[in-house]
Amino acid sequence: MFDLSEGLASIGPMARARLMAERLEPHRSLAPVGALLERARG
């Protein structure tokens, strides 16, 4: 699992909003967020 605090510091507001939405809806898959974080890290 990725480190949320590290991820939030390195991604933009749109990705952060998406991450927050995923956290509020735990029944949804976190895979898209993980992919976003990996892309944001380069």
N, C-alpha and C. Protein backbone atom coordinates (compact mmCIF):
# COMPACT_ATOMS: atom_id res chain seq x y z
N MET A 1 0.85 -1.20 0.00
CA MET A 1 0.00 0.00 0.00
C MET A 1 0.89 1.25 0.00
N PHE A 2 0.50 2.24 -0.77
CA PHE A 2 1.28 3.47 -0.84
C PHE A 2 1.05 4.33 0.41
N ASP A 3 1.98 5.20 0.69
CA ASP A 3 1.88 6.10 1.84
C ASP A 3 1.00 7.29 1.46
N LEU A 4 -0.15 7.42 2.12
CA LEU A 4 -1.10 8.47 1.76
C LEU A 4 -0.52 9.87 1.92
N SER A 5 0.16 10.13 3.03
CA SER A 5 0.70 11.48 3.26
C SER A 5 1.72 11.85 2.20
N GLU A 6 2.57 10.91 1.84
CA GLU A 6 3.56 11.17 0.79
C GLU A 6 2.88 11.39 -0.54
N GLY A 7 1.87 10.57 -0.82
CA GLY A 7 1.14 10.69 -2.08
C GLY A 7 0.43 12.03 -2.20
N LEU A 8 -0.25 12.44 -1.13
CA LEU A 8 -1.00 13.70 -1.17
C LEU A 8 -0.08 14.89 -1.38
N ALA A 9 1.14 14.80 -0.89
CA ALA A 9 2.07 15.91 -1.03
C ALA A 9 2.59 16.03 -2.46
N SER A 10 2.52 14.93 -3.22
CA SER A 10 3.15 14.93 -4.54
C SER A 10 2.16 15.02 -5.70
N ILE A 11 0.86 15.01 -5.41
CA ILE A 11 -0.13 15.04 -6.49
C ILE A 11 -0.88 16.37 -6.51
N GLY A 12 -1.53 16.64 -7.63
CA GLY A 12 -2.26 17.89 -7.77
C GLY A 12 -3.63 17.85 -7.12
N PRO A 13 -4.32 18.99 -7.07
CA PRO A 13 -5.62 19.09 -6.40
C PRO A 13 -6.70 18.19 -7.02
N MET A 14 -6.67 17.99 -8.33
CA MET A 14 -7.67 17.14 -8.96
C MET A 14 -7.47 15.68 -8.53
N ALA A 15 -6.23 15.23 -8.54
CA ALA A 15 -5.93 13.87 -8.12
C ALA A 15 -6.22 13.70 -6.63
N ARG A 16 -5.92 14.75 -5.86
CA ARG A 16 -6.19 14.69 -4.42
C ARG A 16 -7.70 14.57 -4.17
N ALA A 17 -8.49 15.33 -4.94
CA ALA A 17 -9.95 15.27 -4.80
C ALA A 17 -10.45 13.86 -5.14
N ARG A 18 -9.86 13.26 -6.16
CA ARG A 18 -10.24 11.90 -6.53
C ARG A 18 -9.88 10.91 -5.43
N LEU A 19 -8.70 11.10 -4.85
CA LEU A 19 -8.27 10.22 -3.77
C LEU A 19 -9.22 10.34 -2.57
N MET A 20 -9.60 11.57 -2.25
CA MET A 20 -10.54 11.78 -1.14
C MET A 20 -11.87 11.09 -1.44
N ALA A 21 -12.35 11.20 -2.69
CA ALA A 21 -13.60 10.55 -3.07
C ALA A 21 -13.48 9.04 -2.91
N GLU A 22 -12.34 8.47 -3.30
CA GLU A 22 -12.13 7.03 -3.16
C GLU A 22 -12.12 6.64 -1.68
N ARG A 23 -11.52 7.47 -0.84
CA ARG A 23 -11.46 7.16 0.59
C ARG A 23 -12.85 7.22 1.21
N LEU A 24 -13.70 8.12 0.69
CA LEU A 24 -15.05 8.24 1.22
C LEU A 24 -15.95 7.11 0.73
N GLU A 25 -15.54 6.42 -0.32
CA GLU A 25 -16.33 5.31 -0.86
C GLU A 25 -15.46 4.05 -0.89
N PRO A 26 -15.26 3.42 0.27
CA PRO A 26 -14.31 2.30 0.37
C PRO A 26 -14.71 1.06 -0.43
N HIS A 27 -15.96 1.01 -0.88
CA HIS A 27 -16.38 -0.14 -1.67
C HIS A 27 -15.82 -0.08 -3.09
N ARG A 28 -15.31 1.10 -3.47
CA ARG A 28 -14.72 1.24 -4.80
C ARG A 28 -13.26 0.80 -4.79
N SER A 29 -12.77 0.42 -5.94
CA SER A 29 -11.40 -0.05 -6.03
C SER A 29 -10.41 1.12 -5.89
N LEU A 30 -9.32 0.88 -5.18
CA LEU A 30 -8.28 1.89 -5.05
C LEU A 30 -7.24 1.79 -6.18
N ALA A 31 -7.41 0.82 -7.05
CA ALA A 31 -6.45 0.63 -8.13
C ALA A 31 -6.27 1.89 -9.00
N PRO A 32 -7.36 2.58 -9.41
CA PRO A 32 -7.18 3.79 -10.22
C PRO A 32 -6.37 4.87 -9.50
N VAL A 33 -6.57 4.99 -8.20
CA VAL A 33 -5.82 5.98 -7.42
C VAL A 33 -4.36 5.60 -7.35
N GLY A 34 -4.09 4.32 -7.15
CA GLY A 34 -2.71 3.85 -7.14
C GLY A 34 -2.01 4.17 -8.45
N ALA A 35 -2.73 3.96 -9.55
CA ALA A 35 -2.17 4.24 -10.87
C ALA A 35 -1.90 5.75 -11.02
N LEU A 36 -2.83 6.57 -10.53
CA LEU A 36 -2.65 8.02 -10.58
C LEU A 36 -1.40 8.44 -9.82
N LEU A 37 -1.23 7.88 -8.62
CA LEU A 37 -0.07 8.23 -7.80
C LEU A 37 1.23 7.81 -8.47
N GLU A 38 1.24 6.61 -9.07
CA GLU A 38 2.44 6.16 -9.75
C GLU A 38 2.78 7.07 -10.92
N ARG A 39 1.74 7.52 -11.67
CA ARG A 39 1.95 8.45 -12.79
C ARG A 39 2.47 9.79 -12.28
N ALA A 40 1.89 10.28 -11.17
CA ALA A 40 2.29 11.57 -10.63
C ALA A 40 3.73 11.55 -10.15
N ARG A 41 4.17 10.42 -9.63
CA ARG A 41 5.55 10.29 -9.16
C ARG A 41 6.54 10.26 -10.32
N GLY A 42 6.05 9.91 -11.50
CA GLY A 42 6.93 9.85 -12.65
C GLY A 42 7.73 8.55 -12.67
